[in-house]
């Protein structure tokens, strides 16, 4: 059955809780994180993803340990946000294991339009790999398991216009994965003939 969301919010991406009974939605137009009961679709919580409301919610994921929900906010390269003093960031929310509700823990800056990110599989740490499309690199953050925030500056890996980060398994072992970066960007046509 369809799920009704607040008018004008512009849902972009969603992620399920480990138990599958909560759905977390990041919105692009209202820049919010919505928590919904699943499968009823009842709205349980509505949080702002960015204090200056830049209208750029991008991607959302639940951490592998189920303790945190991370949502990217794309300020740079988003129409109407030229005067926003904030930088692109990832907002981190602590997830209550019982209710599935969220509490804001903080945010950390990332570079150049964080379009997509993924947690590295098989890692003892919470390692978040962020595709920074407009900066021509990916950033690798080791997140503190108590706060969900980075414990050190990011490692930077150069690439060309990274759009997504997907981990692929290979022959080096059952828990070894290499990041695979999808790099493409198609310029919109200068004229549209409709």
C-alpha atoms as a PDB file:
ATOM      1  CA  UNK A   1       0.000   0.000   0.000  1.00  0.00           C
ATOM      2  CA  UNK A   2       1.228   3.546  -0.687  1.00  0.00           C
ATOM      3  CA  UNK A   3       2.665   5.518   2.221  1.00  0.00           C
ATOM      4  CA  UNK A   4       1.563   9.150   2.505  1.00  0.00           C
ATOM      5  CA  UNK A   5       4.346  11.558   3.438  1.00  0.00           C
ATOM      6  CA  UNK A   6       4.134  15.248   4.360  1.00  0.00           C
ATOM      7  CA  UNK A   7       3.302  17.416   1.345  1.00  0.00           C
ATOM      8  CA  UNK A   8       6.307  19.039  -0.326  1.00  0.00           C
ATOM      9  CA  UNK A   9       8.953  16.988   1.485  1.00  0.00           C
ATOM     10  CA  UNK A  10      10.426  15.338  -1.622  1.00  0.00           C
ATOM     11  CA  UNK A  11      11.431  11.866  -0.391  1.00  0.00           C
ATOM     12  CA  UNK A  12      14.820  10.867  -1.855  1.00  0.00           C
ATOM     13  CA  UNK A  13      16.169   7.690  -0.226  1.00  0.00           C
ATOM     14  CA  UNK A  14      15.101   5.310   2.518  1.00  0.00           C
ATOM     15  CA  UNK A  15      16.597   2.611   4.748  1.00  0.00           C
ATOM     16  CA  UNK A  16      15.027  -0.040   6.960  1.00  0.00           C
ATOM     17  CA  UNK A  17      15.870  -0.752  10.594  1.00  0.00           C
ATOM     18  CA  UNK A  18      17.598  -4.107  11.251  1.00  0.00           C
ATOM     19  CA  UNK A  19      14.263  -5.587  12.417  1.00  0.00           C
ATOM     20  CA  UNK A  20      12.421  -4.171   9.382  1.00  0.00           C
ATOM     21  CA  UNK A  21       9.713  -2.449  11.427  1.00  0.00           C
ATOM     22  CA  UNK A  22      10.996   1.135  10.970  1.00  0.00           C
ATOM     23  CA  UNK A  23      11.582   2.984   7.742  1.00  0.00           C
ATOM     24  CA  UNK A  24      13.951   5.978   7.724  1.00  0.00           C
ATOM     25  CA  UNK A  25      13.449   8.466   4.870  1.00  0.00           C
ATOM     26  CA  UNK A  26      15.661  11.418   3.957  1.00  0.00           C
ATOM     27  CA  UNK A  27      13.830  14.191   2.107  1.00  0.00           C
ATOM     28  CA  UNK A  28      15.410  16.408  -0.508  1.00  0.00           C
ATOM     29  CA  UNK A  29      13.035  19.388  -0.488  1.00  0.00           C
ATOM     30  CA  UNK A  30      12.272  19.784   3.219  1.00  0.00           C
ATOM     31  CA  UNK A  31      15.694  18.410   4.285  1.00  0.00           C
ATOM     32  CA  UNK A  32      14.310  16.123   6.971  1.00  0.00           C
ATOM     33  CA  UNK A  33      14.707  12.619   8.291  1.00  0.00           C
ATOM     34  CA  UNK A  34      11.352  10.908   8.744  1.00  0.00           C
ATOM     35  CA  UNK A  35      10.826   7.841  10.914  1.00  0.00           C
ATOM     36  CA  UNK A  36       7.869   5.692   9.878  1.00  0.00           C
ATOM     37  CA  UNK A  37       6.298   2.580  11.301  1.00  0.00           C
ATOM     38  CA  UNK A  38       6.402  -0.204   8.750  1.00  0.00           C
ATOM     39  CA  UNK A  39       4.234  -1.533   7.209  1.00  0.00           C
ATOM     40  CA  UNK A  40       1.514   0.839   8.499  1.00  0.00           C
ATOM     41  CA  UNK A  41       3.356   3.936   7.183  1.00  0.00           C
ATOM     42  CA  UNK A  42       2.413   5.934  10.299  1.00  0.00           C
ATOM     43  CA  UNK A  43       4.760   8.912  10.800  1.00  0.00           C
ATOM     44  CA  UNK A  44       6.469   8.533  14.189  1.00  0.00           C
ATOM     45  CA  UNK A  45       9.113  11.248  14.077  1.00  0.00           C
ATOM     46  CA  UNK A  46      10.189  14.189  11.927  1.00  0.00           C
ATOM     47  CA  UNK A  47      13.701  15.642  12.368  1.00  0.00           C
ATOM     48  CA  UNK A  48      15.548  18.435  10.565  1.00  0.00           C
ATOM     49  CA  UNK A  49      18.662  17.133   8.836  1.00  0.00           C
ATOM     50  CA  UNK A  50      20.351  20.541   8.555  1.00  0.00           C
ATOM     51  CA  UNK A  51      19.921  23.597  10.774  1.00  0.00           C
ATOM     52  CA  UNK A  52      19.903  26.097   7.909  1.00  0.00           C
ATOM     53  CA  UNK A  53      17.384  24.022   5.926  1.00  0.00           C
ATOM     54  CA  UNK A  54      19.302  24.087   2.636  1.00  0.00           C
ATOM     55  CA  UNK A  55      16.991  21.652   0.806  1.00  0.00           C
ATOM     56  CA  UNK A  56      19.602  19.065  -0.112  1.00  0.00           C
ATOM     57  CA  UNK A  57      18.981  15.763   1.670  1.00  0.00           C
ATOM     58  CA  UNK A  58      20.897  13.111  -0.244  1.00  0.00           C
ATOM     59  CA  UNK A  59      21.326   9.595   1.096  1.00  0.00           C
ATOM     60  CA  UNK A  60      20.479   7.678   4.284  1.00  0.00           C
ATOM     61  CA  UNK A  61      21.776   4.453   5.853  1.00  0.00           C
ATOM     62  CA  UNK A  62      21.521   2.541   9.099  1.00  0.00           C
ATOM     63  CA  UNK A  63      24.943   1.564  10.483  1.00  0.00           C
ATOM     64  CA  UNK A  64      25.795  -2.155  10.382  1.00  0.00           C
ATOM     65  CA  UNK A  65      25.534  -2.378  14.183  1.00  0.00           C
ATOM     66  CA  UNK A  66      22.055  -0.773  14.035  1.00  0.00           C
ATOM     67  CA  UNK A  67      23.030   1.950  16.525  1.00  0.00           C
ATOM     68  CA  UNK A  68      23.134   4.945  14.169  1.00  0.00           C
ATOM     69  CA  UNK A  69      21.366   6.448  11.175  1.00  0.00           C
ATOM     70  CA  UNK A  70      23.441   8.693   8.890  1.00  0.00           C
ATOM     71  CA  UNK A  71      21.997  11.136   6.340  1.00  0.00           C
ATOM     72  CA  UNK A  72      23.949  13.248   3.868  1.00  0.00           C
ATOM     73  CA  UNK A  73      23.104  16.877   3.220  1.00  0.00           C
ATOM     74  CA  UNK A  74      24.207  18.383  -0.089  1.00  0.00           C
ATOM     75  CA  UNK A  75      24.516  22.152   0.220  1.00  0.00           C
ATOM     76  CA  UNK A  76      27.063  22.847  -2.524  1.00  0.00           C
ATOM     77  CA  UNK A  77      25.773  22.582  -6.044  1.00  0.00           C
ATOM     78  CA  UNK A  78      22.154  22.779  -4.860  1.00  0.00           C
ATOM     79  CA  UNK A  79      20.137  25.573  -6.421  1.00  0.00           C
ATOM     80  CA  UNK A  80      19.160  28.302  -3.974  1.00  0.00           C
ATOM     81  CA  UNK A  81      21.842  27.465  -1.394  1.00  0.00           C
ATOM     82  CA  UNK A  82      24.554  29.793  -2.641  1.00  0.00           C
ATOM     83  CA  UNK A  83      24.320  31.970   0.494  1.00  0.00           C
ATOM     84  CA  UNK A  84      24.215  29.090   2.988  1.00  0.00           C
ATOM     85  CA  UNK A  85      27.179  29.294   5.393  1.00  0.00           C
ATOM     86  CA  UNK A  86      27.141  25.562   6.154  1.00  0.00           C
ATOM     87  CA  UNK A  87      29.195  23.009   4.276  1.00  0.00           C
ATOM     88  CA  UNK A  88      28.065  19.676   2.915  1.00  0.00           C
ATOM     89  CA  UNK A  89      27.776  17.233   5.790  1.00  0.00           C
ATOM     90  CA  UNK A  90      26.650  13.899   7.137  1.00  0.00           C
ATOM     91  CA  UNK A  91      24.170  14.156  10.019  1.00  0.00           C
ATOM     92  CA  UNK A  92      24.360  11.370  12.610  1.00  0.00           C
ATOM     93  CA  UNK A  93      21.436  10.166  14.732  1.00  0.00           C
ATOM     94  CA  UNK A  94      21.537   7.650  17.561  1.00  0.00           C
ATOM     95  CA  UNK A  95      18.886   4.968  17.074  1.00  0.00           C
ATOM     96  CA  UNK A  96      16.949   3.666  20.089  1.00  0.00           C
ATOM     97  CA  UNK A  97      17.022  -0.142  19.797  1.00  0.00           C
ATOM     98  CA  UNK A  98      13.566  -0.522  21.356  1.00  0.00           C
ATOM     99  CA  UNK A  99      11.476   2.200  19.726  1.00  0.00           C
ATOM    100  CA  UNK A 100      13.572   2.830  16.605  1.00  0.00           C
ATOM    101  CA  UNK A 101      13.287   6.583  17.238  1.00  0.00           C
ATOM    102  CA  UNK A 102      16.262   8.867  16.625  1.00  0.00           C
ATOM    103  CA  UNK A 103      18.175  11.512  18.563  1.00  0.00           C
ATOM    104  CA  UNK A 104      20.602  13.896  16.860  1.00  0.00           C
ATOM    105  CA  UNK A 105      24.240  13.242  17.829  1.00  0.00           C
ATOM    106  CA  UNK A 106      25.962  15.756  15.567  1.00  0.00           C
ATOM    107  CA  UNK A 107      27.219  16.224  12.035  1.00  0.00           C
ATOM    108  CA  UNK A 108      30.548  16.329  10.292  1.00  0.00           C
ATOM    109  CA  UNK A 109      31.641  18.165   7.164  1.00  0.00           C
ATOM    110  CA  UNK A 110      32.370  16.362   3.934  1.00  0.00           C
ATOM    111  CA  UNK A 111      33.549  17.748   0.624  1.00  0.00           C
ATOM    112  CA  UNK A 112      31.779  18.550  -2.611  1.00  0.00           C
ATOM    113  CA  UNK A 113      28.249  17.130  -2.843  1.00  0.00           C
ATOM    114  CA  UNK A 114      28.051  13.889  -0.800  1.00  0.00           C
ATOM    115  CA  UNK A 115      25.713  12.109  -3.170  1.00  0.00           C
ATOM    116  CA  UNK A 116      26.098   8.585  -1.814  1.00  0.00           C
ATOM    117  CA  UNK A 117      27.927   6.673   0.908  1.00  0.00           C
ATOM    118  CA  UNK A 118      28.316   3.153   2.209  1.00  0.00           C
ATOM    119  CA  UNK A 119      29.592   1.401   5.287  1.00  0.00           C
ATOM    120  CA  UNK A 120      32.574  -0.856   4.614  1.00  0.00           C
ATOM    121  CA  UNK A 121      31.531  -4.469   5.250  1.00  0.00           C
ATOM    122  CA  UNK A 122      33.463  -6.886   7.435  1.00  0.00           C
ATOM    123  CA  UNK A 123      35.201  -4.151   9.405  1.00  0.00           C
ATOM    124  CA  UNK A 124      35.612  -4.141  13.165  1.00  0.00           C
ATOM    125  CA  UNK A 125      35.129  -0.372  13.010  1.00  0.00           C
ATOM    126  CA  UNK A 126      32.330   1.739  11.602  1.00  0.00           C
ATOM    127  CA  UNK A 127      34.005   2.830   8.372  1.00  0.00           C
ATOM    128  CA  UNK A 128      31.968   5.193   6.213  1.00  0.00           C
ATOM    129  CA  UNK A 129      33.024   5.776   2.587  1.00  0.00           C
ATOM    130  CA  UNK A 130      31.532   8.937   1.024  1.00  0.00           C
ATOM    131  CA  UNK A 131      31.360   9.723  -2.712  1.00  0.00           C
ATOM    132  CA  UNK A 132      32.129  13.449  -3.002  1.00  0.00           C
ATOM    133  CA  UNK A 133      30.963  14.007  -6.575  1.00  0.00           C
ATOM    134  CA  UNK A 134      32.032  17.600  -7.097  1.00  0.00           C
ATOM    135  CA  UNK A 135      35.442  17.220  -5.395  1.00  0.00           C
ATOM    136  CA  UNK A 136      36.734  14.302  -7.507  1.00  0.00           C
ATOM    137  CA  UNK A 137      37.506  12.056  -4.549  1.00  0.00           C
ATOM    138  CA  UNK A 138      35.982   9.783  -1.968  1.00  0.00           C
ATOM    139  CA  UNK A 139      36.451  10.308   1.758  1.00  0.00           C
ATOM    140  CA  UNK A 140      36.886   7.463   4.229  1.00  0.00           C
ATOM    141  CA  UNK A 141      35.813   8.145   7.824  1.00  0.00           C
ATOM    142  CA  UNK A 142      36.326   5.879  10.823  1.00  0.00           C
ATOM    143  CA  UNK A 143      33.371   6.575  13.099  1.00  0.00           C
ATOM    144  CA  UNK A 144      33.537   6.336  16.869  1.00  0.00           C
ATOM    145  CA  UNK A 145      31.285   3.422  17.945  1.00  0.00           C
ATOM    146  CA  UNK A 146      30.042   5.447  20.953  1.00  0.00           C
ATOM    147  CA  UNK A 147      29.103   8.670  19.146  1.00  0.00           C
ATOM    148  CA  UNK A 148      28.845   7.747  15.451  1.00  0.00           C
ATOM    149  CA  UNK A 149      31.074  10.739  14.657  1.00  0.00           C
ATOM    150  CA  UNK A 150      34.563  10.607  13.085  1.00  0.00           C
ATOM    151  CA  UNK A 151      37.411   9.908  15.462  1.00  0.00           C
ATOM    152  CA  UNK A 152      40.055  11.278  13.037  1.00  0.00           C
ATOM    153  CA  UNK A 153      40.298  13.290   9.821  1.00  0.00           C
ATOM    154  CA  UNK A 154      39.150  11.544   6.676  1.00  0.00           C
ATOM    155  CA  UNK A 155      41.393   9.619   4.327  1.00  0.00           C
ATOM    156  CA  UNK A 156      41.052  10.969   0.786  1.00  0.00           C
ATOM    157  CA  UNK A 157      41.098   8.761  -2.302  1.00  0.00           C
ATOM    158  CA  UNK A 158      41.247  10.616  -5.655  1.00  0.00           C
ATOM    159  CA  UNK A 159      38.849   9.575  -8.419  1.00  0.00           C
ATOM    160  CA  UNK A 160      36.720  11.298 -11.052  1.00  0.00           C
ATOM    161  CA  UNK A 161      33.179  12.529 -10.237  1.00  0.00           C
ATOM    162  CA  UNK A 162      32.241   9.662  -7.893  1.00  0.00           C
ATOM    163  CA  UNK A 163      28.504   9.094  -7.885  1.00  0.00           C
ATOM    164  CA  UNK A 164      28.103   5.977  -5.731  1.00  0.00           C
ATOM    165  CA  UNK A 165      30.146   3.650  -3.550  1.00  0.00           C
ATOM    166  CA  UNK A 166      29.378  -0.066  -3.726  1.00  0.00           C
ATOM    167  CA  UNK A 167      31.470  -2.799  -2.123  1.00  0.00           C
ATOM    168  CA  UNK A 168      32.159  -5.883  -4.192  1.00  0.00           C
ATOM    169  CA  UNK A 169      33.492  -9.154  -2.846  1.00  0.00           C
ATOM    170  CA  UNK A 170      36.553 -10.735  -4.432  1.00  0.00           C
ATOM    171  CA  UNK A 171      38.757 -13.806  -4.040  1.00  0.00           C
ATOM    172  CA  UNK A 172      40.910 -12.532  -1.138  1.00  0.00           C
ATOM    173  CA  UNK A 173      38.661 -14.017   1.522  1.00  0.00           C
ATOM    174  CA  UNK A 174      35.044 -14.255   2.658  1.00  0.00           C
ATOM    175  CA  UNK A 175      35.029 -10.908   4.471  1.00  0.00           C
ATOM    176  CA  UNK A 176      37.283  -8.941   2.158  1.00  0.00           C
ATOM    177  CA  UNK A 177      35.680  -6.356  -0.113  1.00  0.00           C
ATOM    178  CA  UNK A 178      37.039  -3.658  -2.369  1.00  0.00           C
ATOM    179  CA  UNK A 179      35.205  -0.357  -2.815  1.00  0.00           C
ATOM    180  CA  UNK A 180      33.864   0.071  -6.319  1.00  0.00           C
ATOM    181  CA  UNK A 181      33.231   3.684  -7.227  1.00  0.00           C
ATOM    182  CA  UNK A 182      30.735   4.531  -9.931  1.00  0.00           C
ATOM    183  CA  UNK A 183      31.924   7.692 -11.610  1.00  0.00           C
ATOM    184  CA  UNK A 184      29.702   9.356 -14.128  1.00  0.00           C
ATOM    185  CA  UNK A 185      28.010  12.654 -14.500  1.00  0.00           C
ATOM    186  CA  UNK A 186      25.874  13.656 -17.420  1.00  0.00           C
ATOM    187  CA  UNK A 187      25.442  17.341 -18.047  1.00  0.00           C
ATOM    188  CA  UNK A 188      21.835  18.337 -18.674  1.00  0.00           C
ATOM    189  CA  UNK A 189      21.174  19.507 -22.224  1.00  0.00           C
ATOM    190  CA  UNK A 190      21.432  23.258 -22.749  1.00  0.00           C
ATOM    191  CA  UNK A 191      18.078  23.247 -24.512  1.00  0.00           C
ATOM    192  CA  UNK A 192      15.104  21.002 -24.054  1.00  0.00           C
ATOM    193  CA  UNK A 193      12.762  20.395 -26.945  1.00  0.00           C
ATOM    194  CA  UNK A 194       9.476  19.101 -25.575  1.00  0.00           C
END
